[in-house]
Amino acid sequence: MICKVEVGNLECFGCHGVKDREKEQEQPFLVSLECTMSAWSDGDDYVCYSNLCDMVRSYVKTQKKNLLEELATDLAVLIFSMSPSSIDTCTVSIRKPTVEKNKRADLIQVSQTLGAEEYENLTRPDVWLWKREYMASPKTPRN
C-alpha cells in the first residue's frame, strides 16, 4: 500500500532569485509538497505536518538561494531527514505568485523530486547544519 502526504500552496516569504531586488526584498512563495511512503508505523517514525510546515517556512525565510531549483532540492532533503526510513519520494514545487501576476502566465513553478536512494547519496552540509541549529532553537515545535 502506498500512502501519499500532500501540503498544497503553503505560503512562505523569503529572498530568493538572481536579481538584486529579489535578494533584498522579501517576496511571497507558494510551496507544495508531496511525499510517498510505502510503509509507516504508529511509532516515532512519521511525518508531523505541523512541524513540517513550520520547518519549510523557516528555511524559506532564513536562507537565500539564487535558484528556486536549489531551494526546492534543499527542502526535499530537509523533509527526507524528518523520517528517512518512511519516505520513498518527495516532490517539492515552488511558485512565485508575483511573477505569475506580472507575466500573466497561468503557472510559473519549479519542481524537484528526490528519491530515497538519491537522498542516501547526497552530501549537503549547509542543509544539515541549518537543520541542527533549527532543531536546537527553543522556538522549534516538537512532535
N, C-alpha and C. Protein backbone atom coordinates (compact mmCIF):
# COMPACT_ATOMS: atom_id res chain seq x y z
N MET A 1 0.84 -1.17 0.00
CA MET A 1 0.00 0.00 0.00
C MET A 1 0.90 1.25 0.00
N ILE A 2 0.54 2.22 -0.81
CA ILE A 2 1.28 3.48 -0.88
C ILE A 2 0.46 4.57 -0.22
N CYS A 3 1.09 5.33 0.62
CA CYS A 3 0.45 6.48 1.27
C CYS A 3 1.07 7.75 0.69
N LYS A 4 0.24 8.72 0.39
CA LYS A 4 0.73 9.99 -0.14
C LYS A 4 0.34 11.10 0.83
N VAL A 5 1.32 11.89 1.23
CA VAL A 5 1.09 13.05 2.09
C VAL A 5 1.33 14.29 1.23
N GLU A 6 0.35 15.19 1.22
CA GLU A 6 0.47 16.39 0.40
C GLU A 6 0.18 17.64 1.23
N VAL A 7 0.95 18.67 0.97
CA VAL A 7 0.69 20.01 1.50
C VAL A 7 0.65 20.92 0.28
N GLY A 8 -0.44 21.62 0.08
CA GLY A 8 -0.59 22.44 -1.12
C GLY A 8 -0.52 23.93 -0.86
N ASN A 9 0.30 24.61 -1.63
CA ASN A 9 0.40 26.06 -1.62
C ASN A 9 0.61 26.66 -0.23
N LEU A 10 1.60 26.14 0.48
CA LEU A 10 1.98 26.69 1.78
C LEU A 10 2.61 28.06 1.55
N GLU A 11 2.01 29.10 2.10
CA GLU A 11 2.52 30.45 1.88
C GLU A 11 3.77 30.69 2.73
N CYS A 12 4.85 31.06 2.04
CA CYS A 12 6.13 31.33 2.68
C CYS A 12 6.66 32.67 2.15
N PHE A 13 7.56 33.27 2.89
CA PHE A 13 8.18 34.52 2.46
C PHE A 13 9.68 34.41 2.59
N GLY A 14 10.40 34.97 1.61
CA GLY A 14 11.86 34.91 1.64
C GLY A 14 12.47 35.74 0.53
N CYS A 15 13.79 35.72 0.48
CA CYS A 15 14.56 36.48 -0.52
C CYS A 15 15.33 35.50 -1.40
N HIS A 16 14.75 35.14 -2.53
CA HIS A 16 15.35 34.17 -3.44
C HIS A 16 15.27 34.68 -4.87
N GLY A 17 16.34 34.51 -5.62
CA GLY A 17 16.36 34.91 -7.02
C GLY A 17 17.72 35.45 -7.41
N VAL A 18 17.88 35.73 -8.68
CA VAL A 18 19.16 36.21 -9.19
C VAL A 18 19.24 37.73 -9.26
N LYS A 19 18.12 38.40 -9.30
CA LYS A 19 18.11 39.86 -9.38
C LYS A 19 18.34 40.47 -8.00
N ASP A 20 18.98 41.64 -7.98
CA ASP A 20 19.30 42.30 -6.70
C ASP A 20 18.05 42.54 -5.85
N ARG A 21 16.98 43.01 -6.46
CA ARG A 21 15.76 43.29 -5.69
C ARG A 21 15.17 42.01 -5.09
N GLU A 22 15.34 40.87 -5.79
CA GLU A 22 14.83 39.60 -5.25
C GLU A 22 15.64 39.17 -4.03
N LYS A 23 16.92 39.51 -4.02
CA LYS A 23 17.79 39.12 -2.91
C LYS A 23 17.62 40.03 -1.70
N GLU A 24 17.09 41.22 -1.93
CA GLU A 24 16.99 42.21 -0.85
C GLU A 24 15.58 42.37 -0.31
N GLN A 25 14.58 42.23 -1.17
CA GLN A 25 13.20 42.46 -0.78
C GLN A 25 12.46 41.13 -0.64
N GLU A 26 11.90 40.90 0.56
CA GLU A 26 11.16 39.67 0.80
C GLU A 26 9.97 39.58 -0.16
N GLN A 27 9.74 38.38 -0.67
CA GLN A 27 8.64 38.15 -1.61
C GLN A 27 7.91 36.87 -1.24
N PRO A 28 6.66 36.72 -1.69
CA PRO A 28 5.90 35.52 -1.36
C PRO A 28 6.27 34.34 -2.28
N PHE A 29 6.18 33.16 -1.71
CA PHE A 29 6.35 31.91 -2.45
C PHE A 29 5.25 30.96 -1.99
N LEU A 30 4.78 30.14 -2.90
CA LEU A 30 3.83 29.08 -2.57
C LEU A 30 4.55 27.75 -2.74
N VAL A 31 4.66 27.01 -1.66
CA VAL A 31 5.40 25.76 -1.66
C VAL A 31 4.41 24.60 -1.51
N SER A 32 4.49 23.66 -2.43
CA SER A 32 3.68 22.45 -2.35
C SER A 32 4.59 21.25 -2.17
N LEU A 33 4.17 20.32 -1.34
CA LEU A 33 4.97 19.15 -1.00
C LEU A 33 4.15 17.90 -1.24
N GLU A 34 4.82 16.87 -1.75
CA GLU A 34 4.17 15.57 -1.91
C GLU A 34 5.18 14.50 -1.53
N CYS A 35 4.85 13.72 -0.51
CA CYS A 35 5.71 12.62 -0.07
C CYS A 35 4.95 11.32 -0.24
N THR A 36 5.63 10.31 -0.78
CA THR A 36 5.03 8.98 -0.84
C THR A 36 5.76 8.08 0.14
N MET A 37 4.98 7.22 0.78
CA MET A 37 5.52 6.28 1.76
C MET A 37 4.89 4.92 1.52
N SER A 38 5.73 3.91 1.44
CA SER A 38 5.19 2.56 1.22
C SER A 38 4.97 1.84 2.54
N ALA A 39 5.55 2.35 3.59
CA ALA A 39 5.37 1.74 4.91
C ALA A 39 5.43 2.83 5.97
N TRP A 40 4.69 2.67 7.00
CA TRP A 40 4.75 3.57 8.14
C TRP A 40 4.31 2.81 9.37
N SER A 41 4.59 3.38 10.51
CA SER A 41 4.22 2.71 11.76
C SER A 41 3.52 3.71 12.67
N ASP A 42 3.00 3.22 13.76
CA ASP A 42 2.36 4.08 14.75
C ASP A 42 3.38 4.68 15.70
N GLY A 43 4.65 4.36 15.51
CA GLY A 43 5.71 4.81 16.41
C GLY A 43 6.19 6.21 16.11
N ASP A 44 7.47 6.44 16.37
CA ASP A 44 8.05 7.77 16.22
C ASP A 44 8.41 8.12 14.78
N ASP A 45 8.38 7.16 13.89
CA ASP A 45 8.84 7.39 12.52
C ASP A 45 7.68 7.79 11.61
N TYR A 46 7.24 9.03 11.78
CA TYR A 46 6.15 9.55 10.98
C TYR A 46 6.44 11.01 10.66
N VAL A 47 5.66 11.58 9.76
CA VAL A 47 5.84 12.98 9.38
C VAL A 47 4.76 13.81 10.09
N CYS A 48 5.17 14.71 10.95
CA CYS A 48 4.25 15.61 11.65
C CYS A 48 4.02 16.81 10.73
N TYR A 49 2.81 16.97 10.24
CA TYR A 49 2.51 18.00 9.25
C TYR A 49 2.76 19.41 9.77
N SER A 50 2.41 19.66 11.00
CA SER A 50 2.62 20.98 11.58
C SER A 50 4.11 21.32 11.65
N ASN A 51 4.91 20.39 12.15
CA ASN A 51 6.36 20.61 12.22
C ASN A 51 6.96 20.75 10.83
N LEU A 52 6.45 19.97 9.89
CA LEU A 52 6.92 20.04 8.51
C LEU A 52 6.70 21.44 7.94
N CYS A 53 5.49 21.96 8.10
CA CYS A 53 5.18 23.29 7.58
C CYS A 53 6.01 24.38 8.27
N ASP A 54 6.17 24.28 9.59
CA ASP A 54 6.99 25.26 10.32
C ASP A 54 8.43 25.25 9.82
N MET A 55 8.99 24.06 9.60
CA MET A 55 10.38 23.96 9.16
C MET A 55 10.54 24.52 7.74
N VAL A 56 9.61 24.22 6.86
CA VAL A 56 9.68 24.73 5.49
C VAL A 56 9.60 26.25 5.49
N ARG A 57 8.65 26.81 6.23
CA ARG A 57 8.53 28.28 6.30
C ARG A 57 9.81 28.92 6.83
N SER A 58 10.36 28.33 7.87
CA SER A 58 11.58 28.88 8.46
C SER A 58 12.75 28.83 7.49
N TYR A 59 12.91 27.73 6.79
CA TYR A 59 14.02 27.60 5.84
C TYR A 59 13.88 28.60 4.70
N VAL A 60 12.69 28.72 4.16
CA VAL A 60 12.46 29.67 3.06
C VAL A 60 12.75 31.09 3.52
N LYS A 61 12.40 31.41 4.75
CA LYS A 61 12.59 32.77 5.27
C LYS A 61 14.05 33.08 5.59
N THR A 62 14.79 32.11 6.12
CA THR A 62 16.13 32.41 6.63
C THR A 62 17.26 32.16 5.63
N GLN A 63 17.00 31.38 4.59
CA GLN A 63 18.04 31.09 3.61
C GLN A 63 17.83 31.92 2.35
N LYS A 64 18.91 32.21 1.65
CA LYS A 64 18.82 32.96 0.39
C LYS A 64 19.46 32.12 -0.72
N LYS A 65 18.67 31.81 -1.72
CA LYS A 65 19.13 31.00 -2.84
C LYS A 65 18.94 31.76 -4.15
N ASN A 66 19.89 31.64 -5.04
CA ASN A 66 19.74 32.26 -6.36
C ASN A 66 18.69 31.54 -7.19
N LEU A 67 18.66 30.23 -7.08
CA LEU A 67 17.77 29.43 -7.92
C LEU A 67 16.71 28.72 -7.08
N LEU A 68 15.48 28.75 -7.57
CA LEU A 68 14.42 28.03 -6.88
C LEU A 68 14.65 26.54 -6.94
N GLU A 69 15.36 26.07 -7.98
CA GLU A 69 15.69 24.65 -8.07
C GLU A 69 16.53 24.21 -6.87
N GLU A 70 17.47 25.05 -6.48
CA GLU A 70 18.32 24.75 -5.31
C GLU A 70 17.49 24.77 -4.02
N LEU A 71 16.62 25.75 -3.90
CA LEU A 71 15.75 25.84 -2.73
C LEU A 71 14.86 24.60 -2.64
N ALA A 72 14.29 24.18 -3.76
CA ALA A 72 13.41 23.01 -3.78
C ALA A 72 14.17 21.74 -3.38
N THR A 73 15.40 21.60 -3.87
CA THR A 73 16.21 20.44 -3.51
C THR A 73 16.53 20.44 -2.02
N ASP A 74 16.92 21.60 -1.50
CA ASP A 74 17.21 21.71 -0.06
C ASP A 74 15.99 21.33 0.78
N LEU A 75 14.82 21.81 0.38
CA LEU A 75 13.61 21.49 1.13
C LEU A 75 13.30 19.99 1.07
N ALA A 76 13.52 19.36 -0.08
CA ALA A 76 13.30 17.91 -0.19
C ALA A 76 14.25 17.16 0.74
N VAL A 77 15.49 17.60 0.82
CA VAL A 77 16.46 16.98 1.73
C VAL A 77 16.00 17.12 3.18
N LEU A 78 15.55 18.31 3.55
CA LEU A 78 15.07 18.52 4.92
C LEU A 78 13.88 17.64 5.25
N ILE A 79 12.96 17.52 4.30
CA ILE A 79 11.77 16.70 4.53
C ILE A 79 12.15 15.24 4.69
N PHE A 80 13.03 14.75 3.83
CA PHE A 80 13.51 13.36 3.97
C PHE A 80 14.15 13.15 5.34
N SER A 81 14.89 14.12 5.80
CA SER A 81 15.60 13.97 7.08
C SER A 81 14.66 13.85 8.27
N MET A 82 13.41 14.24 8.11
CA MET A 82 12.44 14.13 9.20
C MET A 82 12.03 12.68 9.45
N SER A 83 12.03 11.86 8.41
CA SER A 83 11.61 10.47 8.54
C SER A 83 12.20 9.64 7.40
N PRO A 84 13.53 9.51 7.39
CA PRO A 84 14.20 8.89 6.23
C PRO A 84 13.83 7.44 5.97
N SER A 85 13.45 6.69 6.99
CA SER A 85 13.14 5.28 6.76
C SER A 85 11.71 5.09 6.25
N SER A 86 10.89 6.13 6.30
CA SER A 86 9.50 6.01 5.86
C SER A 86 9.24 6.57 4.48
N ILE A 87 9.95 7.63 4.11
CA ILE A 87 9.66 8.32 2.86
C ILE A 87 10.35 7.64 1.68
N ASP A 88 9.59 7.40 0.61
CA ASP A 88 10.14 6.82 -0.62
C ASP A 88 10.52 7.91 -1.62
N THR A 89 9.63 8.88 -1.80
CA THR A 89 9.92 10.01 -2.69
C THR A 89 9.36 11.29 -2.08
N CYS A 90 9.98 12.40 -2.45
CA CYS A 90 9.50 13.69 -2.01
C CYS A 90 9.61 14.66 -3.19
N THR A 91 8.50 15.29 -3.53
CA THR A 91 8.49 16.30 -4.58
C THR A 91 8.15 17.64 -3.94
N VAL A 92 8.97 18.63 -4.24
CA VAL A 92 8.75 20.00 -3.75
C VAL A 92 8.55 20.89 -4.97
N SER A 93 7.46 21.62 -4.96
CA SER A 93 7.15 22.57 -6.04
C SER A 93 7.07 23.96 -5.45
N ILE A 94 7.69 24.92 -6.12
CA ILE A 94 7.71 26.30 -5.62
C ILE A 94 7.19 27.23 -6.71
N ARG A 95 6.21 28.04 -6.34
CA ARG A 95 5.64 29.04 -7.24
C ARG A 95 5.95 30.43 -6.73
N LYS A 96 6.18 31.35 -7.65
CA LYS A 96 6.36 32.77 -7.32
C LYS A 96 5.13 33.51 -7.84
N PRO A 97 4.14 33.76 -6.99
CA PRO A 97 2.90 34.37 -7.46
C PRO A 97 3.11 35.76 -8.07
N THR A 98 4.09 36.50 -7.60
CA THR A 98 4.32 37.84 -8.16
C THR A 98 4.79 37.77 -9.60
N VAL A 99 5.56 36.75 -9.94
CA VAL A 99 6.00 36.56 -11.32
C VAL A 99 4.80 36.20 -12.20
N GLU A 100 3.95 35.31 -11.70
CA GLU A 100 2.78 34.90 -12.47
C GLU A 100 1.91 36.11 -12.78
N LYS A 101 1.72 36.97 -11.79
CA LYS A 101 0.87 38.16 -11.95
C LYS A 101 1.48 39.11 -12.99
N ASN A 102 2.78 39.34 -12.89
CA ASN A 102 3.43 40.28 -13.80
C ASN A 102 3.56 39.75 -15.22
N LYS A 103 3.73 38.46 -15.39
CA LYS A 103 3.92 37.87 -16.72
C LYS A 103 2.62 37.36 -17.32
N ARG A 104 1.57 37.41 -16.54
CA ARG A 104 0.25 36.94 -16.98
C ARG A 104 0.29 35.48 -17.43
N ALA A 105 1.03 34.69 -16.71
CA ALA A 105 1.12 33.26 -17.00
C ALA A 105 0.15 32.51 -16.09
N ASP A 106 -0.33 31.38 -16.55
CA ASP A 106 -1.20 30.56 -15.72
C ASP A 106 -0.42 29.94 -14.56
N LEU A 107 0.84 29.60 -14.83
CA LEU A 107 1.63 28.95 -13.80
C LEU A 107 3.12 29.08 -14.11
N ILE A 108 3.87 29.55 -13.14
CA ILE A 108 5.33 29.52 -13.21
C ILE A 108 5.78 28.80 -11.94
N GLN A 109 6.38 27.64 -12.13
CA GLN A 109 6.67 26.76 -11.00
C GLN A 109 7.93 25.95 -11.27
N VAL A 110 8.67 25.68 -10.20
CA VAL A 110 9.83 24.80 -10.25
C VAL A 110 9.51 23.60 -9.37
N SER A 111 9.78 22.40 -9.86
CA SER A 111 9.55 21.18 -9.06
C SER A 111 10.80 20.33 -9.07
N GLN A 112 11.10 19.75 -7.92
CA GLN A 112 12.21 18.82 -7.77
C GLN A 112 11.69 17.58 -7.06
N THR A 113 12.07 16.41 -7.56
CA THR A 113 11.70 15.15 -6.91
C THR A 113 12.97 14.46 -6.46
N LEU A 114 12.95 14.01 -5.23
CA LEU A 114 14.09 13.31 -4.63
C LEU A 114 13.62 11.94 -4.18
N GLY A 115 14.35 10.90 -4.58
CA GLY A 115 14.04 9.54 -4.16
C GLY A 115 14.91 9.12 -2.99
N ALA A 116 14.53 8.03 -2.34
CA ALA A 116 15.26 7.57 -1.16
C ALA A 116 16.72 7.26 -1.48
N GLU A 117 16.99 6.65 -2.62
CA GLU A 117 18.37 6.31 -2.98
C GLU A 117 19.20 7.58 -3.22
N GLU A 118 18.61 8.56 -3.87
CA GLU A 118 19.31 9.84 -4.09
C GLU A 118 19.60 10.52 -2.75
N TYR A 119 18.62 10.49 -1.85
CA TYR A 119 18.80 11.10 -0.54
C TYR A 119 19.98 10.50 0.20
N GLU A 120 20.10 9.19 0.17
CA GLU A 120 21.18 8.50 0.87
C GLU A 120 22.56 8.89 0.34
N ASN A 121 22.63 9.30 -0.93
CA ASN A 121 23.91 9.63 -1.55
C ASN A 121 24.21 11.12 -1.60
N LEU A 122 23.33 11.95 -1.05
CA LEU A 122 23.55 13.39 -1.08
C LEU A 122 24.45 13.86 0.05
N THR A 123 25.28 14.83 -0.25
CA THR A 123 26.09 15.48 0.77
C THR A 123 25.72 16.95 0.73
N ARG A 124 25.01 17.43 1.73
CA ARG A 124 24.57 18.82 1.79
C ARG A 124 24.88 19.38 3.19
N PRO A 125 26.15 19.61 3.51
CA PRO A 125 26.50 20.05 4.86
C PRO A 125 25.82 21.34 5.30
N ASP A 126 25.56 22.26 4.36
CA ASP A 126 24.90 23.51 4.72
C ASP A 126 23.46 23.25 5.19
N VAL A 127 22.79 22.31 4.56
CA VAL A 127 21.42 21.97 4.94
C VAL A 127 21.41 21.26 6.28
N TRP A 128 22.34 20.33 6.50
CA TRP A 128 22.39 19.60 7.78
C TRP A 128 22.70 20.56 8.92
N LEU A 129 23.61 21.50 8.69
CA LEU A 129 23.96 22.48 9.72
C LEU A 129 22.75 23.34 10.06
N TRP A 130 22.04 23.81 9.05
CA TRP A 130 20.85 24.62 9.29
C TRP A 130 19.84 23.82 10.12
N LYS A 131 19.61 22.56 9.76
CA LYS A 131 18.62 21.76 10.49
C LYS A 131 19.04 21.56 11.94
N ARG A 132 20.32 21.31 12.17
CA ARG A 132 20.79 21.13 13.55
C ARG A 132 20.53 22.39 14.38
N GLU A 133 20.82 23.54 13.80
CA GLU A 133 20.58 24.80 14.50
C GLU A 133 19.08 25.05 14.70
N TYR A 134 18.30 24.74 13.69
CA TYR A 134 16.84 24.91 13.78
C TYR A 134 16.27 24.03 14.88
N MET A 135 16.67 22.78 14.93
CA MET A 135 16.14 21.85 15.94
C MET A 135 16.59 22.22 17.35
N ALA A 136 17.74 22.87 17.47
CA ALA A 136 18.24 23.28 18.78
C ALA A 136 17.57 24.55 19.30
N SER A 137 16.88 25.25 18.42
CA SER A 137 16.23 26.50 18.80
C SER A 137 15.10 26.23 19.78
N PRO A 138 14.97 27.05 20.83
CA PRO A 138 13.89 26.84 21.78
C PRO A 138 12.50 27.09 21.18
N LYS A 139 12.43 27.77 20.04
CA LYS A 139 11.15 28.06 19.40
C LYS A 139 10.69 26.91 18.51
N THR A 140 11.55 25.93 18.25
CA THR A 140 11.20 24.85 17.35
C THR A 140 10.16 23.93 17.99
N PRO A 141 9.02 23.71 17.32
CA PRO A 141 7.98 22.82 17.88
C PRO A 141 8.48 21.38 17.89
N ARG A 142 8.06 20.63 18.85
CA ARG A 142 8.42 19.22 18.97
C ARG A 142 7.21 18.36 18.68
N ASN A 143 7.43 17.12 18.26
CA ASN A 143 6.31 16.18 17.98
C ASN A 143 5.47 15.97 19.21
